[in-house]
Protein backbone atom coordinates (compact mmCIF):
# COMPACT_ATOMS: atom_id res chain seq x y z
CA MET A 1 -61.31 67.70 78.19
CA ASN A 2 -58.12 66.67 79.94
CA LYS A 3 -55.51 64.24 78.60
CA ILE A 4 -56.59 61.43 80.93
CA ILE A 5 -60.17 61.47 79.63
CA ILE A 6 -58.97 61.68 76.02
CA GLY A 7 -56.66 58.73 76.67
CA LEU A 8 -59.48 56.66 78.17
CA LEU A 9 -61.79 57.43 75.26
CA LEU A 10 -59.09 56.58 72.73
CA GLY A 11 -58.31 53.35 74.55
CA SER A 12 -62.00 52.44 74.57
CA TYR A 13 -62.28 53.20 70.85
CA LEU A 14 -59.26 51.07 69.99
CA ALA A 15 -60.53 48.21 72.15
CA ASN A 16 -63.86 48.27 70.33
CA ALA A 17 -62.41 48.74 66.82
CA GLN A 18 -63.88 46.29 64.35
CA THR A 19 -61.76 43.34 63.28
CA ILE A 20 -62.24 41.07 60.29
CA THR A 21 -60.43 37.79 59.73
CA VAL A 22 -58.94 37.06 56.32
CA ALA A 23 -57.98 33.52 55.32
CA ALA A 24 -55.04 34.02 52.95
CA ALA A 25 -53.10 31.55 50.85
CA ALA A 26 -49.58 31.02 52.18
CA ASN A 27 -47.98 32.77 49.20
CA LEU A 28 -49.57 36.00 50.50
CA LYS A 29 -47.82 35.74 53.86
CA TYR A 30 -46.01 39.06 53.47
CA ALA A 31 -48.13 40.98 50.95
CA ALA A 32 -51.36 40.43 52.89
CA MET A 33 -49.87 41.97 56.05
CA ASP A 34 -48.88 45.11 54.16
CA ILE A 35 -52.31 45.36 52.53
CA ALA A 36 -53.99 44.91 55.93
CA LYS A 37 -51.99 47.82 57.36
CA GLU A 38 -52.99 50.11 54.50
CA PHE A 39 -56.63 49.06 54.77
CA LYS A 40 -56.57 49.86 58.50
CA LYS A 41 -55.21 53.34 57.73
CA SER A 42 -58.03 54.10 55.30
CA SER A 43 -60.93 52.38 57.07
CA GLY A 44 -60.08 52.06 60.76
CA ILE A 45 -60.90 48.35 60.50
CA ASN A 46 -58.40 45.83 61.86
CA VAL A 47 -57.52 42.81 59.74
CA LYS A 48 -56.35 39.53 61.23
CA ILE A 49 -54.51 37.39 58.66
CA ILE A 50 -54.60 33.58 58.88
CA THR A 51 -52.39 31.89 56.29
CA GLY A 52 -52.36 28.32 55.04
CA ALA A 53 -52.82 26.10 52.01
CA SER A 54 -55.92 27.15 50.08
CA GLY A 55 -57.41 23.66 50.23
CA LYS A 56 -57.05 23.45 54.01
CA LEU A 57 -58.51 26.93 54.47
CA THR A 58 -61.46 25.92 52.30
CA GLN A 59 -62.06 22.84 54.45
CA GLN A 60 -62.01 25.01 57.56
CA ILE A 61 -64.50 27.47 56.04
CA MET A 62 -66.85 24.65 55.09
CA SER A 63 -66.59 23.42 58.69
CA GLY A 64 -67.68 26.82 60.02
CA ALA A 65 -64.42 28.67 60.67
CA PRO A 66 -65.33 32.34 61.30
CA PHE A 67 -63.36 33.84 58.41
CA ASP A 68 -64.76 36.92 56.68
CA VAL A 69 -62.74 36.90 53.46
CA MET A 70 -60.76 34.27 51.56
CA LEU A 71 -57.77 35.21 49.41
CA SER A 72 -57.01 31.98 47.60
CA ALA A 73 -54.03 30.86 45.52
CA ASP A 74 -56.37 29.76 42.74
CA SER A 75 -59.91 30.13 41.39
CA GLU A 76 -61.07 26.57 42.04
CA TYR A 77 -61.44 26.78 45.82
CA PRO A 78 -63.33 30.11 45.89
CA ASN A 79 -65.59 28.81 43.11
CA ARG A 80 -66.22 25.68 45.17
CA LEU A 81 -67.20 27.82 48.15
CA ALA A 82 -69.50 29.91 45.97
CA LYS A 83 -71.24 26.81 44.62
CA GLY A 84 -71.65 25.52 48.17
CA GLY A 85 -73.39 28.70 49.31
CA PHE A 86 -70.61 29.90 51.63
CA THR A 87 -69.93 33.27 49.96
CA THR A 88 -71.40 36.77 49.94
CA THR A 89 -69.56 38.09 46.86
CA PRO A 90 -68.71 36.71 43.42
CA SER A 91 -65.33 35.06 43.03
CA GLU A 92 -62.93 37.47 41.34
CA VAL A 93 -59.23 37.57 40.45
CA TYR A 94 -57.08 39.91 42.54
CA ALA A 95 -53.63 38.74 41.41
CA ILE A 96 -51.80 36.33 39.12
CA GLY A 97 -49.05 34.28 40.70
CA THR A 98 -45.66 33.24 39.32
CA LEU A 99 -43.85 29.98 40.06
CA VAL A 100 -40.09 29.99 40.69
CA LEU A 101 -37.41 27.43 41.49
CA TRP A 102 -35.37 28.39 44.56
CA SER A 103 -32.17 27.05 46.09
CA ASN A 104 -30.06 28.01 49.08
CA THR A 105 -27.44 25.30 48.51
CA GLY A 106 -25.86 26.53 45.27
CA ALA A 107 -27.75 24.20 42.92
CA ASN A 108 -27.17 25.06 39.27
CA LEU A 109 -30.44 26.81 38.49
CA SER A 110 -29.24 27.78 35.02
CA LYS A 111 -30.54 24.34 34.02
CA GLY A 112 -34.03 25.39 35.05
CA VAL A 113 -36.50 22.73 36.13
CA ALA A 114 -34.26 20.07 34.56
CA ILE A 115 -31.97 20.38 37.59
CA VAL A 116 -34.44 18.36 39.70
CA ALA A 117 -33.45 15.24 37.74
CA ASP A 118 -29.74 15.82 38.39
CA PRO A 119 -28.04 13.41 40.86
CA SER A 120 -26.67 16.40 42.78
CA VAL A 121 -30.23 17.23 43.83
CA ARG A 122 -31.30 14.75 46.49
CA LYS A 123 -34.39 16.50 47.91
CA ILE A 124 -37.00 18.72 46.27
CA ALA A 125 -39.67 20.58 48.24
CA ILE A 126 -43.13 21.23 46.83
CA ALA A 127 -46.35 22.34 48.49
CA ASN A 128 -48.88 19.52 48.82
CA PRO A 129 -50.66 19.27 45.43
CA LYS A 130 -53.78 17.98 47.21
CA THR A 131 -54.35 21.28 48.99
CA ALA A 132 -51.94 23.87 47.55
CA PRO A 133 -52.39 25.29 44.02
CA TYR A 134 -48.69 26.12 43.71
CA GLY A 135 -47.96 22.45 44.41
CA ILE A 136 -50.28 21.45 41.58
CA GLU A 137 -48.47 23.75 39.19
CA ALA A 138 -45.05 22.54 40.38
CA MET A 139 -46.13 19.03 39.35
CA ASN A 140 -47.34 20.37 36.00
CA ALA A 141 -43.99 22.09 35.41
CA MET A 142 -42.08 18.87 36.10
CA ARG A 143 -44.37 16.95 33.76
CA TYR A 144 -43.85 19.61 31.08
CA TYR A 145 -40.07 19.19 31.28
CA LYS A 146 -40.41 15.40 31.52
CA VAL A 147 -38.54 15.11 34.82
CA SER A 148 -41.37 14.10 37.15
CA ALA A 149 -40.44 10.39 37.17
CA LYS A 150 -36.87 11.10 38.31
CA ALA A 151 -38.04 13.79 40.72
CA LYS A 152 -40.76 11.75 42.44
CA PRO A 153 -38.52 9.76 44.86
CA LYS A 154 -36.79 12.99 45.90
CA MET A 155 -39.93 14.98 46.72
CA VAL A 156 -40.52 16.38 50.16
CA ILE A 157 -44.21 17.30 50.43
CA ALA A 158 -44.78 20.46 52.47
CA GLU A 159 -48.06 21.57 54.01
CA SER A 160 -47.88 24.90 52.20
CA ILE A 161 -45.61 27.32 50.37
CA SER A 162 -44.50 28.65 53.77
CA GLN A 163 -43.14 25.25 54.77
CA VAL A 164 -41.37 24.93 51.41
CA GLY A 165 -39.67 28.20 52.32
CA SER A 166 -38.54 26.77 55.65
CA TYR A 167 -37.06 23.71 53.94
CA VAL A 168 -35.16 25.85 51.43
CA THR A 169 -33.84 28.46 53.88
CA THR A 170 -32.62 25.81 56.32
CA LYS A 171 -31.02 23.85 53.46
CA ALA A 172 -33.06 20.76 54.28
CA VAL A 173 -33.61 20.45 50.50
CA GLU A 174 -31.49 21.41 47.51
CA VAL A 175 -34.34 23.11 45.62
CA GLY A 176 -37.93 24.10 46.19
CA PHE A 177 -40.82 25.20 44.01
CA MET A 178 -41.87 28.57 45.41
CA ALA A 179 -44.15 31.53 44.80
CA LYS A 180 -42.26 34.56 43.48
CA SER A 181 -44.03 36.69 46.10
CA ILE A 182 -42.12 34.90 48.87
CA VAL A 183 -38.61 35.20 47.44
CA LEU A 184 -39.16 38.93 46.87
CA ALA A 185 -40.29 39.61 50.45
CA PRO A 186 -37.84 41.82 52.41
CA GLU A 187 -37.53 39.14 55.08
CA ILE A 188 -36.42 36.58 52.48
CA LYS A 189 -34.84 38.62 49.68
CA GLY A 190 -31.17 37.81 49.25
CA ILE A 191 -31.37 34.27 50.61
CA GLY A 192 -30.09 31.85 47.99
CA LYS A 193 -30.83 32.10 44.27
CA TRP A 194 -34.03 31.66 42.28
CA VAL A 195 -35.22 31.57 38.68
CA GLU A 196 -38.66 32.05 37.21
CA ILE A 197 -40.21 29.01 35.57
CA ASP A 198 -41.48 29.60 32.06
CA HIS A 199 -45.21 30.32 32.20
CA LYS A 200 -45.82 27.88 29.35
CA ALA A 201 -44.80 25.02 31.68
CA TYR A 202 -47.79 25.42 34.01
CA ASN A 203 -51.31 26.78 34.13
CA MET A 204 -51.91 30.45 34.83
CA ILE A 205 -52.22 30.94 38.59
CA ASP A 206 -55.30 33.15 38.86
CA GLN A 207 -55.69 33.98 42.54
CA ASN A 208 -59.30 34.70 43.48
CA MET A 209 -61.05 36.23 46.47
CA VAL A 210 -64.53 35.97 47.99
CA GLY A 211 -66.46 37.37 50.93
CA LEU A 212 -67.77 34.75 53.33
CA LYS A 213 -71.02 34.14 55.23
CA ASN A 214 -69.44 32.70 58.36
CA GLY A 215 -68.87 36.08 60.02
CA SER A 216 -71.36 38.53 61.54
CA PRO A 217 -73.50 40.82 59.32
CA GLU A 218 -71.32 43.77 60.39
CA ASN A 219 -68.18 41.92 59.38
CA GLN A 220 -69.73 40.96 56.06
CA LEU A 221 -70.09 44.67 55.28
CA ALA A 222 -66.50 45.30 56.35
CA ALA A 223 -65.37 42.33 54.24
CA ARG A 224 -66.94 43.92 51.18
CA ARG A 225 -64.95 47.07 51.88
CA PHE A 226 -61.76 45.01 52.14
CA ILE A 227 -62.49 43.22 48.86
CA LYS A 228 -63.06 46.58 47.17
CA PHE A 229 -59.78 47.82 48.66
CA MET A 230 -57.95 44.88 47.02
CA SER A 231 -58.58 46.62 43.69
CA SER A 232 -57.29 49.99 44.93
CA LEU A 233 -54.14 51.57 43.59
CA LYS A 234 -52.38 51.07 46.95
CA ALA A 235 -53.20 47.36 47.19
CA ARG A 236 -52.25 46.78 43.54
CA GLU A 237 -48.91 48.53 44.12
CA ILE A 238 -48.20 46.20 47.04
CA LEU A 239 -49.12 43.13 45.01
CA LYS A 240 -46.96 44.25 42.08
CA THR A 241 -44.00 44.96 44.39
CA ASN A 242 -44.41 41.42 45.73
CA GLY A 243 -44.02 39.89 42.28
CA TYR A 244 -47.63 39.35 41.27
CA GLU A 245 -49.04 40.15 37.88
CA LEU A 246 -52.28 42.10 38.04
CA PRO A 247 -55.64 41.52 36.37
CA ASN A 248 -57.02 44.33 34.24
CA LYS A 249 -59.10 46.75 36.28
CA LYS A 250 -62.83 46.63 35.51
C-alpha cells in the first residue's frame, strides 16, 4: 500500500473520529484541556470542551444543548439534572476546589479576606453567585469574616471565574475571588499574588460530574468512558497539579 493511500485512509479515519462535548465549569478551563488530550491518547475519542458558569451550563442542558458530559463546580447542579431526568450516570465527585484571593495591583493580601473592607480596595471581582458556585462561596467567605457589608458596594459581578481572571489580570479590580486551579495554570502562574482562603470560611467545594442524555447513544457510551477516565491515575495527577484536592478512590 503506497503512502498516498495510507494518507487518504488516515485522513478519512481522523475526519470520522468520534467527538464528545464536555460542558465544564470555568475553573476547569486549563485542567480540562489537559485531561481531554490524555483521554484522546488512550481512547482515540476527541473531546470538545465548552466552559462557563455551572448554572448557565445547566440551563443550556435543560434547554437541549447537545452536551455529553457535565463537569460542574459543585454538586447541586448535577444533582438537579439527575432529578430532572437529564443524566445517564449518577452524580459523583471528581475533585474538590479551593478558593483563593488574587491581586495583580499589589494589594496587601497578608490581611486575608479582611483586605476587601480596606479603603485601598475600590473594586472586588466575584463570579455571579446566582450561577457560579465559586461566587456563592466567595460571598460565604466575606460573611464569615464580617466584611460583606463594606464589600458589597465595591463588587464587580463577573459571568464566571474566567471573567474574574480577566478583571484581575488587566487590573480592572484590586482583588478577585478565584479558583486555585486558575492561578496555578501555566498561562497564569506568576501574574500577581494570591493567598488561599481558610477552608473554614466557606463550604467544601465538591465538584461533581454526570453523563448526559442529550447526545447520541454512541456518544453516551463514549461519555461513560470519559467519566471513568476522570478517576484514572493520569486524570487525578492533572487535577492535583492544578490545585484540586481529590476524593478518595472507590
